[in-house]
Each structure stands twice: as C-alpha cells, then as structure tokens.
Amino acid sequence: MSVIACQEQKIGYVDNVKLMDQYQEKIDIEAKYQNKSDALGKKRDSISQAFQIEAQAFQEKAQSMSQQKAQEAYGSLQQRGQMIGQQLQQEEQQLQLEGPTSMDSLIKKVKGQIKAYGKDHGYTYILGGGNGGSVLYGDETKDLTEDILSLLNEQYKK
C-alpha cells in the first residue's frame, strides 16, 4: 500500500491554441480552403459579369423583337440565371461543409497523438490549456506543447 501512495502521478499540459495555431497541417488546411474560397469568389464574379453583359445585350436586342419573342427569350435568360445561381450556391455550400469536416478530423488526429504521447512517455494526465482550457496555471516545465507540436509537424512532413 505504501508503494502505491509513494508513486507520483506524471501530469503535463498542452496549450491547445498555440498547438493548433502552429501545427503545419492545420495551417495548410486553412490555406487550402482559403484558396478554394478565393477561387469560388473569382468564378462567381466572372460568371456574374458575363451574365450582366449578356443581360444588357439582350435588353438592346429585345427592342427589335416582337413582344412575345422578347418575353420567351427573357424567360429563358432568367431561367439560365437561376440555374447558374443555384450551381454556385451548391458549390459554396459544399465548400462550407468540407472545411469543418477536415478540421474535425484533424482535431481527432491531434487528440490521438497527444494520447499516444502521454502513454509513450508515462503521463497519467495531459491537460488542455489555452483559451477555454482547463489549466489556469501550470509550471512551464510541465508544458508539453512544443514537444507535441514538434512531433506532429515531423509526422506531417512524412
């Protein structure tokens, strides 16, 4: 019984905010989705400009058409505009769903790596710090953030 009482529990903590802000895979994922978002914005702007030019050309052309033909052409143009809008909206929604899914997977991966690190290095507990974390104060010698960040970035490079 005295052997168990004398065993010291090994406890460390990780600054979650710092870890995630400096983890290269997270940085790359954010950059990837920012690039996709920028490309989608450019595509939307380009399509909008082309459609506006087409609509202006139609207005000029419609003056020389019969009223019935102009209405039919206008209906077709309007329908095409709606289809383009729906397609762009679907692409935007898909992008908005992909980002959080990738980040959720990344967070699960990081938690798994922290757990493995704790087991491999004999920790009883590794607590989470940073904004909203459970560590309000920790001895800096117990801060494992840099060790785990280095491990994660090395594994990501591979």
C-alpha atoms as a PDB file:
ATOM      1  CA  MET A   1       0.000   0.000   0.000  1.00  0.00           C
ATOM      2  CA  SER A   2       2.825   2.397   0.782  1.00  0.00           C
ATOM      3  CA  VAL A   3       4.355   1.729  -2.660  1.00  0.00           C
ATOM      4  CA  ILE A   4       1.182   2.945  -4.347  1.00  0.00           C
ATOM      5  CA  ALA A   5       0.958   6.013  -2.142  1.00  0.00           C
ATOM      6  CA  CYS A   6       4.542   6.950  -2.987  1.00  0.00           C
ATOM      7  CA  GLN A   7       4.004   6.708  -6.734  1.00  0.00           C
ATOM      8  CA  GLU A   8       3.901  10.150  -8.227  1.00  0.00           C
ATOM      9  CA  GLN A   9       1.447  10.837 -10.984  1.00  0.00           C
ATOM     10  CA  LYS A  10       3.032  12.402 -14.020  1.00  0.00           C
ATOM     11  CA  ILE A  11       0.946  15.341 -15.241  1.00  0.00           C
ATOM     12  CA  GLY A  12       1.574  17.694 -18.148  1.00  0.00           C
ATOM     13  CA  TYR A  13      -0.429  20.167 -20.158  1.00  0.00           C
ATOM     14  CA  VAL A  14      -0.720  21.412 -23.704  1.00  0.00           C
ATOM     15  CA  ASP A  15      -1.666  24.911 -24.818  1.00  0.00           C
ATOM     16  CA  ASN A  16      -4.360  23.905 -27.325  1.00  0.00           C
ATOM     17  CA  VAL A  17      -4.495  27.290 -29.018  1.00  0.00           C
ATOM     18  CA  LYS A  18      -0.739  27.515 -29.554  1.00  0.00           C
ATOM     19  CA  LEU A  19      -0.582  23.887 -30.665  1.00  0.00           C
ATOM     20  CA  MET A  20      -3.271  24.292 -33.314  1.00  0.00           C
ATOM     21  CA  ASP A  21      -2.089  27.736 -34.447  1.00  0.00           C
ATOM     22  CA  GLN A  22       1.410  26.431 -35.130  1.00  0.00           C
ATOM     23  CA  TYR A  23       0.547  22.954 -36.449  1.00  0.00           C
ATOM     24  CA  GLN A  24       1.562  22.953 -40.099  1.00  0.00           C
ATOM     25  CA  GLU A  25      -1.172  20.583 -41.256  1.00  0.00           C
ATOM     26  CA  LYS A  26      -3.829  22.914 -39.811  1.00  0.00           C
ATOM     27  CA  ILE A  27      -2.138  25.895 -41.470  1.00  0.00           C
ATOM     28  CA  ASP A  28      -2.123  24.020 -44.784  1.00  0.00           C
ATOM     29  CA  ILE A  29      -5.784  23.010 -44.461  1.00  0.00           C
ATOM     30  CA  GLU A  30      -6.793  26.607 -43.769  1.00  0.00           C
ATOM     31  CA  ALA A  31      -4.743  27.822 -46.742  1.00  0.00           C
ATOM     32  CA  LYS A  32      -6.299  25.155 -48.987  1.00  0.00           C
ATOM     33  CA  TYR A  33      -9.829  26.209 -48.089  1.00  0.00           C
ATOM     34  CA  GLN A  34      -8.976  29.895 -48.340  1.00  0.00           C
ATOM     35  CA  ASN A  35      -7.634  29.257 -51.859  1.00  0.00           C
ATOM     36  CA  LYS A  36     -10.787  27.322 -52.764  1.00  0.00           C
ATOM     37  CA  SER A  37     -12.936  30.119 -51.354  1.00  0.00           C
ATOM     38  CA  ASP A  38     -10.991  32.761 -53.273  1.00  0.00           C
ATOM     39  CA  ALA A  39     -11.258  30.737 -56.493  1.00  0.00           C
ATOM     40  CA  LEU A  40     -15.004  30.314 -55.998  1.00  0.00           C
ATOM     41  CA  GLY A  41     -15.360  34.062 -55.392  1.00  0.00           C
ATOM     42  CA  LYS A  42     -13.464  34.835 -58.603  1.00  0.00           C
ATOM     43  CA  LYS A  43     -15.584  32.316 -60.506  1.00  0.00           C
ATOM     44  CA  ARG A  44     -18.778  33.858 -59.120  1.00  0.00           C
ATOM     45  CA  ASP A  45     -17.610  37.368 -60.035  1.00  0.00           C
ATOM     46  CA  SER A  46     -16.601  36.286 -63.531  1.00  0.00           C
ATOM     47  CA  ILE A  47     -19.890  34.488 -64.181  1.00  0.00           C
ATOM     48  CA  SER A  48     -21.860  37.436 -62.787  1.00  0.00           C
ATOM     49  CA  GLN A  49     -20.060  39.888 -65.056  1.00  0.00           C
ATOM     50  CA  ALA A  50     -20.575  37.680 -68.113  1.00  0.00           C
ATOM     51  CA  PHE A  51     -24.250  37.258 -67.256  1.00  0.00           C
ATOM     52  CA  GLN A  52     -24.712  41.020 -66.785  1.00  0.00           C
ATOM     53  CA  ILE A  53     -23.128  41.671 -70.176  1.00  0.00           C
ATOM     54  CA  GLU A  54     -25.433  39.062 -71.719  1.00  0.00           C
ATOM     55  CA  ALA A  55     -28.456  40.636 -69.996  1.00  0.00           C
ATOM     56  CA  GLN A  56     -27.516  44.095 -71.301  1.00  0.00           C
ATOM     57  CA  ALA A  57     -27.060  42.723 -74.819  1.00  0.00           C
ATOM     58  CA  PHE A  58     -30.450  41.031 -74.520  1.00  0.00           C
ATOM     59  CA  GLN A  59     -32.121  44.307 -73.499  1.00  0.00           C
ATOM     60  CA  GLU A  60     -30.771  46.022 -76.608  1.00  0.00           C
ATOM     61  CA  LYS A  61     -31.747  43.099 -78.808  1.00  0.00           C
ATOM     62  CA  ALA A  62     -35.201  42.793 -77.205  1.00  0.00           C
ATOM     63  CA  GLN A  63     -36.200  46.220 -78.515  1.00  0.00           C
ATOM     64  CA  SER A  64     -36.124  44.892 -82.063  1.00  0.00           C
ATOM     65  CA  MET A  65     -38.051  41.695 -81.220  1.00  0.00           C
ATOM     66  CA  SER A  66     -41.743  41.112 -81.049  1.00  0.00           C
ATOM     67  CA  GLN A  67     -43.154  41.262 -77.549  1.00  0.00           C
ATOM     68  CA  GLN A  68     -43.846  37.503 -77.478  1.00  0.00           C
ATOM     69  CA  LYS A  69     -40.331  36.573 -78.660  1.00  0.00           C
ATOM     70  CA  ALA A  70     -38.802  39.030 -76.190  1.00  0.00           C
ATOM     71  CA  GLN A  71     -40.789  37.501 -73.317  1.00  0.00           C
ATOM     72  CA  GLU A  72     -39.745  33.975 -74.318  1.00  0.00           C
ATOM     73  CA  ALA A  73     -36.099  34.979 -74.589  1.00  0.00           C
ATOM     74  CA  TYR A  74     -36.301  36.862 -71.299  1.00  0.00           C
ATOM     75  CA  GLY A  75     -37.820  33.799 -69.584  1.00  0.00           C
ATOM     76  CA  SER A  76     -35.027  31.619 -70.957  1.00  0.00           C
ATOM     77  CA  LEU A  77     -32.393  34.109 -69.807  1.00  0.00           C
ATOM     78  CA  GLN A  78     -33.981  34.338 -66.370  1.00  0.00           C
ATOM     79  CA  GLN A  79     -34.119  30.542 -66.054  1.00  0.00           C
ATOM     80  CA  ARG A  80     -30.451  30.264 -67.037  1.00  0.00           C
ATOM     81  CA  GLY A  81     -29.546  32.881 -64.433  1.00  0.00           C
ATOM     82  CA  GLN A  82     -31.354  30.915 -61.740  1.00  0.00           C
ATOM     83  CA  MET A  83     -29.577  27.700 -62.726  1.00  0.00           C
ATOM     84  CA  ILE A  84     -26.202  29.423 -62.581  1.00  0.00           C
ATOM     85  CA  GLY A  85     -27.068  30.905 -59.183  1.00  0.00           C
ATOM     86  CA  GLN A  86     -28.126  27.511 -57.835  1.00  0.00           C
ATOM     87  CA  GLN A  87     -24.953  25.842 -59.102  1.00  0.00           C
ATOM     88  CA  LEU A  88     -22.748  28.470 -57.461  1.00  0.00           C
ATOM     89  CA  GLN A  89     -24.739  28.198 -54.243  1.00  0.00           C
ATOM     90  CA  GLN A  90     -24.277  24.408 -54.208  1.00  0.00           C
ATOM     91  CA  GLU A  91     -20.531  24.764 -54.708  1.00  0.00           C
ATOM     92  CA  GLU A  92     -20.365  27.296 -51.873  1.00  0.00           C
ATOM     93  CA  GLN A  93     -22.377  25.047 -49.544  1.00  0.00           C
ATOM     94  CA  GLN A  94     -20.158  22.078 -50.333  1.00  0.00           C
ATOM     95  CA  LEU A  95     -17.067  24.143 -49.547  1.00  0.00           C
ATOM     96  CA  GLN A  96     -18.637  25.282 -46.273  1.00  0.00           C
ATOM     97  CA  LEU A  97     -19.255  21.646 -45.297  1.00  0.00           C
ATOM     98  CA  GLU A  98     -15.795  20.381 -46.272  1.00  0.00           C
ATOM     99  CA  GLY A  99     -13.839  22.819 -44.110  1.00  0.00           C
ATOM    100  CA  PRO A 100     -15.337  21.890 -40.721  1.00  0.00           C
ATOM    101  CA  THR A 101     -15.216  18.185 -41.592  1.00  0.00           C
ATOM    102  CA  SER A 102     -11.488  18.435 -42.318  1.00  0.00           C
ATOM    103  CA  MET A 103     -10.890  20.349 -39.096  1.00  0.00           C
ATOM    104  CA  ASP A 104     -12.874  17.803 -37.051  1.00  0.00           C
ATOM    105  CA  SER A 105     -10.733  15.013 -38.494  1.00  0.00           C
ATOM    106  CA  LEU A 106      -7.599  16.992 -37.721  1.00  0.00           C
ATOM    107  CA  ILE A 107      -8.664  17.595 -34.106  1.00  0.00           C
ATOM    108  CA  LYS A 108      -9.361  13.866 -33.635  1.00  0.00           C
ATOM    109  CA  LYS A 109      -5.917  13.111 -35.059  1.00  0.00           C
ATOM    110  CA  VAL A 110      -4.219  15.615 -32.730  1.00  0.00           C
ATOM    111  CA  LYS A 111      -6.057  14.231 -29.686  1.00  0.00           C
ATOM    112  CA  GLY A 112      -4.966  10.734 -30.674  1.00  0.00           C
ATOM    113  CA  GLN A 113      -1.348  11.867 -30.988  1.00  0.00           C
ATOM    114  CA  ILE A 114      -1.478  13.575 -27.587  1.00  0.00           C
ATOM    115  CA  LYS A 115      -2.917  10.397 -26.058  1.00  0.00           C
ATOM    116  CA  ALA A 116      -0.188   8.282 -27.679  1.00  0.00           C
ATOM    117  CA  TYR A 117       2.479  10.727 -26.492  1.00  0.00           C
ATOM    118  CA  GLY A 118       1.120  10.522 -22.957  1.00  0.00           C
ATOM    119  CA  LYS A 119       1.163   6.726 -22.961  1.00  0.00           C
ATOM    120  CA  ASP A 120       4.636   6.536 -24.520  1.00  0.00           C
ATOM    121  CA  HIS A 121       6.096   8.993 -22.002  1.00  0.00           C
ATOM    122  CA  GLY A 122       4.357   7.670 -18.877  1.00  0.00           C
ATOM    123  CA  TYR A 123       1.922  10.526 -18.244  1.00  0.00           C
ATOM    124  CA  THR A 124      -1.085   9.894 -16.042  1.00  0.00           C
ATOM    125  CA  TYR A 125      -2.786  13.059 -17.326  1.00  0.00           C
ATOM    126  CA  ILE A 126      -2.230  15.596 -20.068  1.00  0.00           C
ATOM    127  CA  LEU A 127      -4.478  18.580 -19.568  1.00  0.00           C
ATOM    128  CA  GLY A 128      -5.600  21.111 -22.162  1.00  0.00           C
ATOM    129  CA  GLY A 129      -4.720  24.772 -21.669  1.00  0.00           C
ATOM    130  CA  GLY A 130      -5.099  27.964 -23.664  1.00  0.00           C
ATOM    131  CA  ASN A 131      -8.346  29.865 -24.166  1.00  0.00           C
ATOM    132  CA  GLY A 132     -11.147  27.897 -22.590  1.00  0.00           C
ATOM    133  CA  GLY A 133      -8.744  25.204 -21.414  1.00  0.00           C
ATOM    134  CA  SER A 134      -8.721  23.585 -18.011  1.00  0.00           C
ATOM    135  CA  VAL A 135      -5.229  24.761 -16.976  1.00  0.00           C
ATOM    136  CA  LEU A 136      -5.262  28.179 -15.374  1.00  0.00           C
ATOM    137  CA  TYR A 137      -1.658  27.902 -14.256  1.00  0.00           C
ATOM    138  CA  GLY A 138       0.991  25.335 -14.973  1.00  0.00           C
ATOM    139  CA  ASP A 139       4.661  25.023 -14.189  1.00  0.00           C
ATOM    140  CA  GLU A 140       6.385  25.676 -17.508  1.00  0.00           C
ATOM    141  CA  THR A 141       8.421  22.500 -17.090  1.00  0.00           C
ATOM    142  CA  LYS A 142       5.122  20.605 -17.416  1.00  0.00           C
ATOM    143  CA  ASP A 143       4.200  22.364 -20.691  1.00  0.00           C
ATOM    144  CA  LEU A 144       4.332  19.716 -23.416  1.00  0.00           C
ATOM    145  CA  THR A 145       3.116  21.981 -26.210  1.00  0.00           C
ATOM    146  CA  GLU A 146       6.464  22.344 -28.021  1.00  0.00           C
ATOM    147  CA  ASP A 147       7.287  18.631 -27.732  1.00  0.00           C
ATOM    148  CA  ILE A 148       3.927  17.568 -29.138  1.00  0.00           C
ATOM    149  CA  LEU A 149       3.950  20.313 -31.783  1.00  0.00           C
ATOM    150  CA  SER A 150       7.375  19.136 -32.982  1.00  0.00           C
ATOM    151  CA  LEU A 151       6.156  15.536 -33.064  1.00  0.00           C
ATOM    152  CA  LEU A 152       3.005  16.456 -35.025  1.00  0.00           C
ATOM    153  CA  ASN A 153       4.894  18.605 -37.538  1.00  0.00           C
ATOM    154  CA  GLU A 154       7.542  15.912 -38.056  1.00  0.00           C
ATOM    155  CA  GLN A 155       4.878  13.280 -38.688  1.00  0.00           C
ATOM    156  CA  TYR A 156       3.031  15.618 -41.043  1.00  0.00           C
ATOM    157  CA  LYS A 157       6.185  16.207 -43.105  1.00  0.00           C
ATOM    158  CA  LYS A 158       6.420  12.463 -43.668  1.00  0.00           C
END
